[in-house]
Structures are given as C-alpha cells and as structure tokens.
Amino acid sequence: MDANFYDQVYEVVRLIPKGRVTSYGAIAKALGVANSSRMVGHAMAYAGSASPKIPAHRVVNSSGLLTGRFHFSPPTLMQELLEKEGITVVNDKIKNFKKVFWDPLQEI
C-alpha cells in the first residue's frame, strides 16, 4: 500500500461525525479493500502527522475496543477525546458501540 492509500483512509476518517466512531474494517470495506483492515490500522498509526488534522480517536476495532490508544500521547488521550464528544468508554471499550457506529459505506 502506498501514501495514496493512506490519503484515502484519512479522507474517510475526516468524514466521521463528532460523537460517532467507525472501525478499521468498515473503512477498508468502504475503500473496496475489505481484507485490508490491518493496513487501515497501519495508516492510522501515522495519522498524527497528517494535515489537515485527522480525528483518529474515532477509529476503533470491530468490537469497539480502543486498540489504537497506544498511538496517542498519553494513551488515555483517545478515551478523553471520545468522552468529550459524548461517547462512553468502559475498560477501553465503547459502550453502546452499535448505537454510535458510523458506517462509511452509507456516506460515501
């Protein structure tokens, strides 16, 4: 995958509304590469250096776990940002995940 793929991932992530989240797999599926959720995760690891800013805190795994939290400094920042947007996180997992899930396929 190349920088162009990362740009496509970031474009989708910028569309996620405040107070909503999506998963690495949903982004991959929306980009037509359903089996590339790990590559989406890899792109998200570098999201902090992208411009304009990317709301990377809104991307979680398919169970609603904050698996990307270690890419934030401090690691608690991901949860703090989500909670500022009204999302409840318990034990590094989003509560009511299905309710706050945003499907990029319905938006793109």
PDB file of N, CA and C in Angstrom:
ATOM      1  N   MET A   1       0.853  -1.179   0.000  1.00  0.00           N
ATOM      2  CA  MET A   1       0.000   0.000   0.000  1.00  0.00           C
ATOM      3  C   MET A   1       0.894   1.235   0.000  1.00  0.00           C
ATOM      4  N   ASP A   2       0.406   2.276  -0.597  1.00  0.00           N
ATOM      5  CA  ASP A   2       1.232   3.475  -0.708  1.00  0.00           C
ATOM      6  C   ASP A   2       0.599   4.672  -0.015  1.00  0.00           C
ATOM      7  N   ALA A   3       1.263   5.802  -0.127  1.00  0.00           N
ATOM      8  CA  ALA A   3       0.776   7.036   0.505  1.00  0.00           C
ATOM      9  C   ALA A   3      -0.622   7.382   0.013  1.00  0.00           C
ATOM     10  N   ASN A   4      -0.931   7.060  -1.248  1.00  0.00           N
ATOM     11  CA  ASN A   4      -2.254   7.323  -1.795  1.00  0.00           C
ATOM     12  C   ASN A   4      -3.326   6.575  -1.003  1.00  0.00           C
ATOM     13  N   PHE A   5      -3.029   5.337  -0.601  1.00  0.00           N
ATOM     14  CA  PHE A   5      -3.963   4.563   0.214  1.00  0.00           C
ATOM     15  C   PHE A   5      -4.180   5.267   1.550  1.00  0.00           C
ATOM     16  N   TYR A   6      -3.107   5.716   2.163  1.00  0.00           N
ATOM     17  CA  TYR A   6      -3.214   6.438   3.430  1.00  0.00           C
ATOM     18  C   TYR A   6      -4.090   7.672   3.263  1.00  0.00           C
ATOM     19  N   ASP A   7      -3.886   8.396   2.186  1.00  0.00           N
ATOM     20  CA  ASP A   7      -4.701   9.595   1.932  1.00  0.00           C
ATOM     21  C   ASP A   7      -6.176   9.239   1.817  1.00  0.00           C
ATOM     22  N   GLN A   8      -6.478   8.122   1.159  1.00  0.00           N
ATOM     23  CA  GLN A   8      -7.871   7.682   1.028  1.00  0.00           C
ATOM     24  C   GLN A   8      -8.452   7.327   2.393  1.00  0.00           C
ATOM     25  N   VAL A   9      -7.648   6.658   3.225  1.00  0.00           N
ATOM     26  CA  VAL A   9      -8.087   6.318   4.581  1.00  0.00           C
ATOM     27  C   VAL A   9      -8.389   7.596   5.352  1.00  0.00           C
ATOM     28  N   TYR A  10      -7.475   8.556   5.283  1.00  0.00           N
ATOM     29  CA  TYR A  10      -7.634   9.808   6.028  1.00  0.00           C
ATOM     30  C   TYR A  10      -8.850  10.592   5.553  1.00  0.00           C
ATOM     31  N   GLU A  11      -9.122  10.514   4.267  1.00  0.00           N
ATOM     32  CA  GLU A  11     -10.296  11.191   3.703  1.00  0.00           C
ATOM     33  C   GLU A  11     -11.579  10.638   4.335  1.00  0.00           C
ATOM     34  N   VAL A  12     -11.663   9.318   4.470  1.00  0.00           N
ATOM     35  CA  VAL A  12     -12.831   8.680   5.084  1.00  0.00           C
ATOM     36  C   VAL A  12     -12.919   9.062   6.562  1.00  0.00           C
ATOM     37  N   VAL A  13     -11.791   9.005   7.262  1.00  0.00           N
ATOM     38  CA  VAL A  13     -11.788   9.291   8.698  1.00  0.00           C
ATOM     39  C   VAL A  13     -12.243  10.727   8.963  1.00  0.00           C
ATOM     40  N   ARG A  14     -11.864  11.646   8.099  1.00  0.00           N
ATOM     41  CA  ARG A  14     -12.288  13.044   8.285  1.00  0.00           C
ATOM     42  C   ARG A  14     -13.799  13.217   8.161  1.00  0.00           C
ATOM     43  N   LEU A  15     -14.480  12.240   7.581  1.00  0.00           N
ATOM     44  CA  LEU A  15     -15.934  12.307   7.412  1.00  0.00           C
ATOM     45  C   LEU A  15     -16.707  11.840   8.641  1.00  0.00           C
ATOM     46  N   ILE A  16     -16.029  11.158   9.561  1.00  0.00           N
ATOM     47  CA  ILE A  16     -16.721  10.609  10.737  1.00  0.00           C
ATOM     48  C   ILE A  16     -17.246  11.768  11.579  1.00  0.00           C
ATOM     49  N   PRO A  17     -18.551  11.808  11.809  1.00  0.00           N
ATOM     50  CA  PRO A  17     -19.122  12.913  12.600  1.00  0.00           C
ATOM     51  C   PRO A  17     -18.695  12.851  14.066  1.00  0.00           C
ATOM     52  N   LYS A  18     -18.682  14.010  14.707  1.00  0.00           N
ATOM     53  CA  LYS A  18     -18.403  14.059  16.149  1.00  0.00           C
ATOM     54  C   LYS A  18     -19.424  13.203  16.873  1.00  0.00           C
ATOM     55  N   GLY A  19     -18.960  12.495  17.896  1.00  0.00           N
ATOM     56  CA  GLY A  19     -19.865  11.659  18.675  1.00  0.00           C
ATOM     57  C   GLY A  19     -20.154  10.315  18.051  1.00  0.00           C
ATOM     58  N   ARG A  20     -19.441   9.993  16.972  1.00  0.00           N
ATOM     59  CA  ARG A  20     -19.622   8.700  16.290  1.00  0.00           C
ATOM     60  C   ARG A  20     -18.249   8.059  16.109  1.00  0.00           C
ATOM     61  N   VAL A  21     -18.225   6.755  15.870  1.00  0.00           N
ATOM     62  CA  VAL A  21     -16.978   6.024  15.626  1.00  0.00           C
ATOM     63  C   VAL A  21     -17.182   5.049  14.481  1.00  0.00           C
ATOM     64  N   THR A  22     -16.081   4.589  13.925  1.00  0.00           N
ATOM     65  CA  THR A  22     -16.136   3.534  12.926  1.00  0.00           C
ATOM     66  C   THR A  22     -14.973   2.591  13.183  1.00  0.00           C
ATOM     67  N   SER A  23     -14.892   1.528  12.397  1.00  0.00           N
ATOM     68  CA  SER A  23     -13.839   0.530  12.610  1.00  0.00           C
ATOM     69  C   SER A  23     -12.871   0.512  11.428  1.00  0.00           C
ATOM     70  N   TYR A  24     -11.715  -0.085  11.686  1.00  0.00           N
ATOM     71  CA  TYR A  24     -10.705  -0.235  10.636  1.00  0.00           C
ATOM     72  C   TYR A  24     -11.298  -1.018   9.467  1.00  0.00           C
ATOM     73  N   GLY A  25     -12.037  -2.076   9.791  1.00  0.00           N
ATOM     74  CA  GLY A  25     -12.633  -2.913   8.751  1.00  0.00           C
ATOM     75  C   GLY A  25     -13.678  -2.192   7.928  1.00  0.00           C
ATOM     76  N   ALA A  26     -14.485  -1.359   8.573  1.00  0.00           N
ATOM     77  CA  ALA A  26     -15.507  -0.598   7.836  1.00  0.00           C
ATOM     78  C   ALA A  26     -14.862   0.378   6.866  1.00  0.00           C
ATOM     79  N   ILE A  27     -13.749   0.964   7.266  1.00  0.00           N
ATOM     80  CA  ILE A  27     -13.026   1.881   6.368  1.00  0.00           C
ATOM     81  C   ILE A  27     -12.465   1.099   5.190  1.00  0.00           C
ATOM     82  N   ALA A  28     -11.847  -0.052   5.474  1.00  0.00           N
ATOM     83  CA  ALA A  28     -11.288  -0.885   4.406  1.00  0.00           C
ATOM     84  C   ALA A  28     -12.374  -1.296   3.417  1.00  0.00           C
ATOM     85  N   LYS A  29     -13.524  -1.715   3.943  1.00  0.00           N
ATOM     86  CA  LYS A  29     -14.640  -2.130   3.092  1.00  0.00           C
ATOM     87  C   LYS A  29     -15.116  -0.962   2.221  1.00  0.00           C
ATOM     88  N   ALA A  30     -15.198   0.218   2.810  1.00  0.00           N
ATOM     89  CA  ALA A  30     -15.654   1.405   2.072  1.00  0.00           C
ATOM     90  C   ALA A  30     -14.688   1.763   0.944  1.00  0.00           C
ATOM     91  N   LEU A  31     -13.417   1.432   1.139  1.00  0.00           N
ATOM     92  CA  LEU A  31     -12.411   1.722   0.112  1.00  0.00           C
ATOM     93  C   LEU A  31     -12.274   0.594  -0.911  1.00  0.00           C
ATOM     94  N   GLY A  32     -13.088  -0.457  -0.754  1.00  0.00           N
ATOM     95  CA  GLY A  32     -13.079  -1.552  -1.719  1.00  0.00           C
ATOM     96  C   GLY A  32     -11.977  -2.563  -1.489  1.00  0.00           C
ATOM     97  N   VAL A  33     -11.373  -2.548  -0.299  1.00  0.00           N
ATOM     98  CA  VAL A  33     -10.310  -3.495   0.035  1.00  0.00           C
ATOM     99  C   VAL A  33     -10.631  -4.130   1.390  1.00  0.00           C
ATOM    100  N   ALA A  34     -11.720  -4.866   1.428  1.00  0.00           N
ATOM    101  CA  ALA A  34     -12.279  -5.397   2.675  1.00  0.00           C
ATOM    102  C   ALA A  34     -11.281  -6.159   3.535  1.00  0.00           C
ATOM    103  N   ASN A  35     -10.294  -6.791   2.930  1.00  0.00           N
ATOM    104  CA  ASN A  35      -9.328  -7.579   3.699  1.00  0.00           C
ATOM    105  C   ASN A  35      -8.124  -6.769   4.167  1.00  0.00           C
ATOM    106  N   SER A  36      -8.207  -5.461   4.100  1.00  0.00           N
ATOM    107  CA  SER A  36      -7.056  -4.618   4.431  1.00  0.00           C
ATOM    108  C   SER A  36      -7.241  -3.798   5.706  1.00  0.00           C
ATOM    109  N   SER A  37      -8.007  -4.313   6.651  1.00  0.00           N
ATOM    110  CA  SER A  37      -8.219  -3.541   7.876  1.00  0.00           C
ATOM    111  C   SER A  37      -6.905  -3.302   8.629  1.00  0.00           C
ATOM    112  N   ARG A  38      -5.976  -4.231   8.546  1.00  0.00           N
ATOM    113  CA  ARG A  38      -4.676  -4.015   9.198  1.00  0.00           C
ATOM    114  C   ARG A  38      -3.917  -2.872   8.548  1.00  0.00           C
ATOM    115  N   MET A  39      -4.043  -2.739   7.253  1.00  0.00           N
ATOM    116  CA  MET A  39      -3.370  -1.632   6.566  1.00  0.00           C
ATOM    117  C   MET A  39      -4.016  -0.304   6.955  1.00  0.00           C
ATOM    118  N   VAL A  40      -5.323  -0.313   7.188  1.00  0.00           N
ATOM    119  CA  VAL A  40      -6.003   0.892   7.684  1.00  0.00           C
ATOM    120  C   VAL A  40      -5.437   1.233   9.056  1.00  0.00           C
ATOM    121  N   GLY A  41      -5.255   0.223   9.896  1.00  0.00           N
ATOM    122  CA  GLY A  41      -4.659   0.438  11.211  1.00  0.00           C
ATOM    123  C   GLY A  41      -3.261   1.004  11.102  1.00  0.00           C
ATOM    124  N   HIS A  42      -2.501   0.498  10.157  1.00  0.00           N
ATOM    125  CA  HIS A  42      -1.144   0.998   9.933  1.00  0.00           C
ATOM    126  C   HIS A  42      -1.189   2.466   9.513  1.00  0.00           C
ATOM    127  N   ALA A  43      -2.110   2.803   8.637  1.00  0.00           N
ATOM    128  CA  ALA A  43      -2.265   4.201   8.211  1.00  0.00           C
ATOM    129  C   ALA A  43      -2.624   5.080   9.403  1.00  0.00           C
ATOM    130  N   MET A  44      -3.478   4.564  10.273  1.00  0.00           N
ATOM    131  CA  MET A  44      -3.903   5.351  11.428  1.00  0.00           C
ATOM    132  C   MET A  44      -2.746   5.604  12.397  1.00  0.00           C
ATOM    133  N   ALA A  45      -1.775   4.705  12.423  1.00  0.00           N
ATOM    134  CA  ALA A  45      -0.609   4.895  13.292  1.00  0.00           C
ATOM    135  C   ALA A  45       0.166   6.150  12.898  1.00  0.00           C
ATOM    136  N   TYR A  46       0.046   6.550  11.641  1.00  0.00           N
ATOM    137  CA  TYR A  46       0.759   7.733  11.141  1.00  0.00           C
ATOM    138  C   TYR A  46      -0.153   8.945  10.984  1.00  0.00           C
ATOM    139  N   ALA A  47      -1.374   8.831  11.448  1.00  0.00           N
ATOM    140  CA  ALA A  47      -2.362   9.895  11.269  1.00  0.00           C
ATOM    141  C   ALA A  47      -1.987  11.192  11.976  1.00  0.00           C
ATOM    142  N   GLY A  48      -1.223  11.097  13.042  1.00  0.00           N
ATOM    143  CA  GLY A  48      -0.860  12.277  13.815  1.00  0.00           C
ATOM    144  C   GLY A  48      -0.055  13.298  13.046  1.00  0.00           C
ATOM    145  N   SER A  49       0.630  12.851  11.999  1.00  0.00           N
ATOM    146  CA  SER A  49       1.462  13.774  11.222  1.00  0.00           C
ATOM    147  C   SER A  49       0.749  14.293   9.973  1.00  0.00           C
ATOM    148  N   ALA A  50      -0.486  13.860   9.756  1.00  0.00           N
ATOM    149  CA  ALA A  50      -1.221  14.275   8.555  1.00  0.00           C
ATOM    150  C   ALA A  50      -1.818  15.673   8.726  1.00  0.00           C
ATOM    151  N   SER A  51      -1.954  16.341   7.609  1.00  0.00           N
ATOM    152  CA  SER A  51      -2.568  17.672   7.605  1.00  0.00           C
ATOM    153  C   SER A  51      -3.515  17.753   6.420  1.00  0.00           C
ATOM    154  N   PRO A  52      -4.750  18.258   6.594  1.00  0.00           N
ATOM    155  CA  PRO A  52      -5.342  18.731   7.844  1.00  0.00           C
ATOM    156  C   PRO A  52      -5.507  17.602   8.852  1.00  0.00           C
ATOM    157  N   LYS A  53      -5.801  17.979  10.105  1.00  0.00           N
ATOM    158  CA  LYS A  53      -5.902  17.025  11.201  1.00  0.00           C
ATOM    159  C   LYS A  53      -6.911  15.913  10.921  1.00  0.00           C
ATOM    160  N   ILE A  54      -6.634  14.782  11.513  1.00  0.00           N
ATOM    161  CA  ILE A  54      -7.492  13.607  11.354  1.00  0.00           C
ATOM    162  C   ILE A  54      -8.046  13.211  12.722  1.00  0.00           C
ATOM    163  N   PRO A  55      -9.354  13.008  12.839  1.00  0.00           N
ATOM    164  CA  PRO A  55      -9.927  12.586  14.124  1.00  0.00           C
ATOM    165  C   PRO A  55      -9.702  11.088  14.359  1.00  0.00           C
ATOM    166  N   ALA A  56      -8.442  10.712  14.493  1.00  0.00           N
ATOM    167  CA  ALA A  56      -8.063   9.303  14.619  1.00  0.00           C
ATOM    168  C   ALA A  56      -8.688   8.630  15.829  1.00  0.00           C
ATOM    169  N   HIS A  57      -9.053   9.402  16.838  1.00  0.00           N
ATOM    170  CA  HIS A  57      -9.665   8.820  18.042  1.00  0.00           C
ATOM    171  C   HIS A  57     -11.010   8.179  17.748  1.00  0.00           C
ATOM    172  N   ARG A  58     -11.590   8.471  16.595  1.00  0.00           N
ATOM    173  CA  ARG A  58     -12.904   7.923  16.234  1.00  0.00           C
ATOM    174  C   ARG A  58     -12.821   6.582  15.506  1.00  0.00           C
ATOM    175  N   VAL A  59     -11.617   6.017  15.394  1.00  0.00           N
ATOM    176  CA  VAL A  59     -11.447   4.730  14.710  1.00  0.00           C
ATOM    177  C   VAL A  59     -11.029   3.686  15.737  1.00  0.00           C
ATOM    178  N   VAL A  60     -11.838   2.625  15.832  1.00  0.00           N
ATOM    179  CA  VAL A  60     -11.626   1.569  16.819  1.00  0.00           C
ATOM    180  C   VAL A  60     -11.699   0.211  16.120  1.00  0.00           C
ATOM    181  N   ASN A  61     -11.504  -0.863  16.886  1.00  0.00           N
ATOM    182  CA  ASN A  61     -11.616  -2.166  16.228  1.00  0.00           C
ATOM    183  C   ASN A  61     -13.088  -2.580  16.107  1.00  0.00           C
ATOM    184  N   SER A  62     -13.334  -3.705  15.483  1.00  0.00           N
ATOM    185  CA  SER A  62     -14.712  -4.112  15.168  1.00  0.00           C
ATOM    186  C   SER A  62     -15.549  -4.451  16.396  1.00  0.00           C
ATOM    187  N   SER A  63     -14.924  -4.569  17.558  1.00  0.00           N
ATOM    188  CA  SER A  63     -15.654  -4.815  18.801  1.00  0.00           C
ATOM    189  C   SER A  63     -15.851  -3.544  19.613  1.00  0.00           C
ATOM    190  N   GLY A  64     -15.301  -2.441  19.114  1.00  0.00           N
ATOM    191  CA  GLY A  64     -15.405  -1.188  19.849  1.00  0.00           C
ATOM    192  C   GLY A  64     -14.263  -0.952  20.822  1.00  0.00           C
ATOM    193  N   LEU A  65     -13.225  -1.774  20.740  1.00  0.00           N
ATOM    194  CA  LEU A  65     -12.065  -1.600  21.612  1.00  0.00           C
ATOM    195  C   LEU A  65     -11.156  -0.490  21.098  1.00  0.00           C
ATOM    196  N   LEU A  66     -10.574   0.257  22.030  1.00  0.00           N
ATOM    197  CA  LEU A  66      -9.658   1.349  21.683  1.00  0.00           C
ATOM    198  C   LEU A  66      -8.256   0.790  21.451  1.00  0.00           C
ATOM    199  N   THR A  67      -8.116  -0.028  20.423  1.00  0.00           N
ATOM    200  CA  THR A  67      -6.838  -0.692  20.169  1.00  0.00           C
ATOM    201  C   THR A  67      -5.758   0.285  19.716  1.00  0.00           C
ATOM    202  N   GLY A  68      -6.126   1.444  19.221  1.00  0.00           N
ATOM    203  CA  GLY A  68      -5.142   2.416  18.772  1.00  0.00           C
ATOM    204  C   GLY A  68      -4.672   3.377  19.847  1.00  0.00           C
ATOM    205  N   ARG A  69      -5.119   3.169  21.081  1.00  0.00           N
ATOM    206  CA  ARG A  69      -4.835   4.131  22.145  1.00  0.00           C
ATOM    207  C   ARG A  69      -3.349   4.344  22.400  1.00  0.00           C
ATOM    208  N   PHE A  70      -2.509   3.352  22.105  1.00  0.00           N
ATOM    209  CA  PHE A  70      -1.078   3.486  22.379  1.00  0.00           C
ATOM    210  C   PHE A  70      -0.370   4.403  21.389  1.00  0.00           C
ATOM    211  N   HIS A  71      -1.089   4.818  20.337  1.00  0.00           N
ATOM    212  CA  HIS A  71      -0.525   5.776  19.387  1.00  0.00           C
ATOM    213  C   HIS A  71      -0.816   7.209  19.810  1.00  0.00           C
ATOM    214  N   PHE A  72      -1.487   7.364  20.928  1.00  0.00           N
ATOM    215  CA  PHE A  72      -1.799   8.689  21.474  1.00  0.00           C
ATOM    216  C   PHE A  72      -0.864   8.961  22.644  1.00  0.00           C
ATOM    217  N   SER A  73      -0.588  10.223  22.850  1.00  0.00           N
ATOM    218  CA  SER A  73       0.274  10.589  23.970  1.00  0.00           C
ATOM    219  C   SER A  73      -0.428  11.610  24.846  1.00  0.00           C
ATOM    220  N   PRO A  74      -0.774  11.240  26.062  1.00  0.00           N
ATOM    221  CA  PRO A  74      -0.647   9.914  26.672  1.00  0.00           C
ATOM    222  C   PRO A  74      -1.705   8.957  26.128  1.00  0.00           C
ATOM    223  N   PRO A  75      -1.559   7.647  26.355  1.00  0.00           N
ATOM    224  CA  PRO A  75      -2.517   6.666  25.834  1.00  0.00           C
ATOM    225  C   PRO A  75      -3.961   6.902  26.273  1.00  0.00           C
ATOM    226  N   THR A  76      -4.172   7.627  27.352  1.00  0.00           N
ATOM    227  CA  THR A  76      -5.533   7.912  27.812  1.00  0.00           C
ATOM    228  C   THR A  76      -6.215   8.997  26.969  1.00  0.00           C
ATOM    229  N   LEU A  77      -5.449   9.684  26.130  1.00  0.00           N
ATOM    230  CA  LEU A  77      -5.987  10.786  25.331  1.00  0.00           C
ATOM    231  C   LEU A  77      -7.107  10.335  24.394  1.00  0.00           C
ATOM    232  N   MET A  78      -6.986   9.151  23.810  1.00  0.00           N
ATOM    233  CA  MET A  78      -8.023   8.656  22.893  1.00  0.00           C
ATOM    234  C   MET A  78      -9.371   8.594  23.609  1.00  0.00           C
ATOM    235  N   GLN A  79      -9.388   8.011  24.799  1.00  0.00           N
ATOM    236  CA  GLN A  79     -10.623   7.906  25.574  1.00  0.00           C
ATOM    237  C   GLN A  79     -11.126   9.291  25.961  1.00  0.00           C
ATOM    238  N   GLU A  80     -10.231  10.172  26.377  1.00  0.00           N
ATOM    239  CA  GLU A  80     -10.622  11.530  26.775  1.00  0.00           C
ATOM    240  C   GLU A  80     -11.300  12.275  25.621  1.00  0.00           C
ATOM    241  N   LEU A  81     -10.738  12.147  24.418  1.00  0.00           N
ATOM    242  CA  LEU A  81     -11.315  12.817  23.247  1.00  0.00           C
ATOM    243  C   LEU A  81     -12.699  12.262  22.919  1.00  0.00           C
ATOM    244  N   LEU A  82     -12.852  10.948  23.017  1.00  0.00           N
ATOM    245  CA  LEU A  82     -14.155  10.324  22.751  1.00  0.00           C
ATOM    246  C   LEU A  82     -15.184  10.769  23.788  1.00  0.00           C
ATOM    247  N   GLU A  83     -14.783  10.803  25.037  1.00  0.00           N
ATOM    248  CA  GLU A  83     -15.707  11.201  26.101  1.00  0.00           C
ATOM    249  C   GLU A  83     -16.123  12.666  25.962  1.00  0.00           C
ATOM    250  N   LYS A  84     -15.229  13.518  25.466  1.00  0.00           N
ATOM    251  CA  LYS A  84     -15.572  14.924  25.208  1.00  0.00           C
ATOM    252  C   LYS A  84     -16.677  15.028  24.170  1.00  0.00           C
ATOM    253  N   GLU A  85     -16.759  14.025  23.291  1.00  0.00           N
ATOM    254  CA  GLU A  85     -17.777  14.011  22.240  1.00  0.00           C
ATOM    255  C   GLU A  85     -19.029  13.256  22.671  1.00  0.00           C
ATOM    256  N   GLY A  86     -19.082  12.855  23.947  1.00  0.00           N
ATOM    257  CA  GLY A  86     -20.281  12.199  24.470  1.00  0.00           C
ATOM    258  C   GLY A  86     -20.294  10.691  24.366  1.00  0.00           C
ATOM    259  N   ILE A  87     -19.171  10.079  24.005  1.00  0.00           N
ATOM    260  CA  ILE A  87     -19.095   8.627  23.887  1.00  0.00           C
ATOM    261  C   ILE A  87     -18.606   8.049  25.211  1.00  0.00           C
ATOM    262  N   THR A  88     -19.309   7.046  25.711  1.00  0.00           N
ATOM    263  CA  THR A  88     -18.935   6.408  26.969  1.00  0.00           C
ATOM    264  C   THR A  88     -17.969   5.264  26.699  1.00  0.00           C
ATOM    265  N   VAL A  89     -16.862   5.259  27.435  1.00  0.00           N
ATOM    266  CA  VAL A  89     -15.851   4.206  27.302  1.00  0.00           C
ATOM    267  C   VAL A  89     -15.670   3.544  28.664  1.00  0.00           C
ATOM    268  N   VAL A  90     -15.789   2.213  28.691  1.00  0.00           N
ATOM    269  CA  VAL A  90     -15.601   1.448  29.915  1.00  0.00           C
ATOM    270  C   VAL A  90     -14.586   0.345  29.623  1.00  0.00           C
ATOM    271  N   ASN A  91     -13.509   0.294  30.413  1.00  0.00           N
ATOM    272  CA  ASN A  91     -12.452  -0.711  30.222  1.00  0.00           C
ATOM    273  C   ASN A  91     -11.932  -0.733  28.783  1.00  0.00           C
ATOM    274  N   ASP A  92     -11.635   0.450  28.258  1.00  0.00           N
ATOM    275  CA  ASP A  92     -11.088   0.610  26.895  1.00  0.00           C
ATOM    276  C   ASP A  92     -12.030   0.121  25.798  1.00  0.00           C
ATOM    277  N   LYS A  93     -13.319   0.060  26.096  1.00  0.00           N
ATOM    278  CA  LYS A  93     -14.302  -0.384  25.099  1.00  0.00           C
ATOM    279  C   LYS A  93     -15.471   0.594  25.072  1.00  0.00           C
ATOM    280  N   ILE A  94     -15.952   0.887  23.860  1.00  0.00           N
ATOM    281  CA  ILE A  94     -17.057   1.828  23.694  1.00  0.00           C
ATOM    282  C   ILE A  94     -18.365   1.164  24.099  1.00  0.00           C
ATOM    283  N   LYS A  95     -19.071   1.836  24.990  1.00  0.00           N
ATOM    284  CA  LYS A  95     -20.378   1.356  25.426  1.00  0.00           C
ATOM    285  C   LYS A  95     -21.394   1.744  24.347  1.00  0.00           C
ATOM    286  N   ASN A  96     -22.366   0.887  24.103  1.00  0.00           N
ATOM    287  CA  ASN A  96     -23.371   1.127  23.051  1.00  0.00           C
ATOM    288  C   ASN A  96     -22.711   1.321  21.683  1.00  0.00           C
ATOM    289  N   PHE A  97     -21.721   0.481  21.411  1.00  0.00           N
ATOM    290  CA  PHE A  97     -20.942   0.595  20.172  1.00  0.00           C
ATOM    291  C   PHE A  97     -21.821   0.627  18.919  1.00  0.00           C
ATOM    292  N   LYS A  98     -22.800  -0.260  18.838  1.00  0.00           N
ATOM    293  CA  LYS A  98     -23.655  -0.300  17.645  1.00  0.00           C
ATOM    294  C   LYS A  98     -24.443   0.994  17.463  1.00  0.00           C
ATOM    295  N   LYS A  99     -24.791   1.616  18.577  1.00  0.00           N
ATOM    296  CA  LYS A  99     -25.565   2.854  18.528  1.00  0.00           C
ATOM    297  C   LYS A  99     -24.736   4.041  18.000  1.00  0.00           C
ATOM    298  N   VAL A 100     -23.459   4.088  18.336  1.00  0.00           N
ATOM    299  CA  VAL A 100     -22.613   5.214  17.912  1.00  0.00           C
ATOM    300  C   VAL A 100     -21.776   4.888  16.674  1.00  0.00           C
ATOM    301  N   PHE A 101     -21.920   3.648  16.170  1.00  0.00           N
ATOM    302  CA  PHE A 101     -21.153   3.231  14.986  1.00  0.00           C
ATOM    303  C   PHE A 101     -21.603   4.001  13.750  1.00  0.00           C
ATOM    304  N   TRP A 102     -20.632   4.471  12.981  1.00  0.00           N
ATOM    305  CA  TRP A 102     -20.875   5.192  11.742  1.00  0.00           C
ATOM    306  C   TRP A 102     -20.350   4.333  10.596  1.00  0.00           C
ATOM    307  N   ASP A 103     -21.215   4.018   9.648  1.00  0.00           N
ATOM    308  CA  ASP A 103     -20.834   3.162   8.510  1.00  0.00           C
ATOM    309  C   ASP A 103     -20.481   4.043   7.312  1.00  0.00           C
ATOM    310  N   PRO A 104     -19.189   4.082   6.957  1.00  0.00           N
ATOM    311  CA  PRO A 104     -18.790   4.928   5.827  1.00  0.00           C
ATOM    312  C   PRO A 104     -19.439   4.525   4.501  1.00  0.00           C
ATOM    313  N   LEU A 105     -19.832   3.265   4.373  1.00  0.00           N
ATOM    314  CA  LEU A 105     -20.480   2.835   3.126  1.00  0.00           C
ATOM    315  C   LEU A 105     -21.812   3.547   2.905  1.00  0.00           C
ATOM    316  N   GLN A 106     -22.459   3.957   3.979  1.00  0.00           N
ATOM    317  CA  GLN A 106     -23.731   4.650   3.850  1.00  0.00           C
ATOM    318  C   GLN A 106     -23.533   6.138   3.558  1.00  0.00           C
ATOM    319  N   GLU A 107     -22.279   6.596   3.660  1.00  0.00           N
ATOM    320  CA  GLU A 107     -21.995   8.026   3.483  1.00  0.00           C
ATOM    321  C   GLU A 107     -21.232   8.330   2.210  1.00  0.00           C
ATOM    322  N   ILE A 108     -20.480   7.350   1.714  1.00  0.00           N
ATOM    323  CA  ILE A 108     -19.606   7.602   0.554  1.00  0.00           C
ATOM    324  C   ILE A 108     -20.319   7.289  -0.742  1.00  0.00           C
TER     325      ILE A 108
END
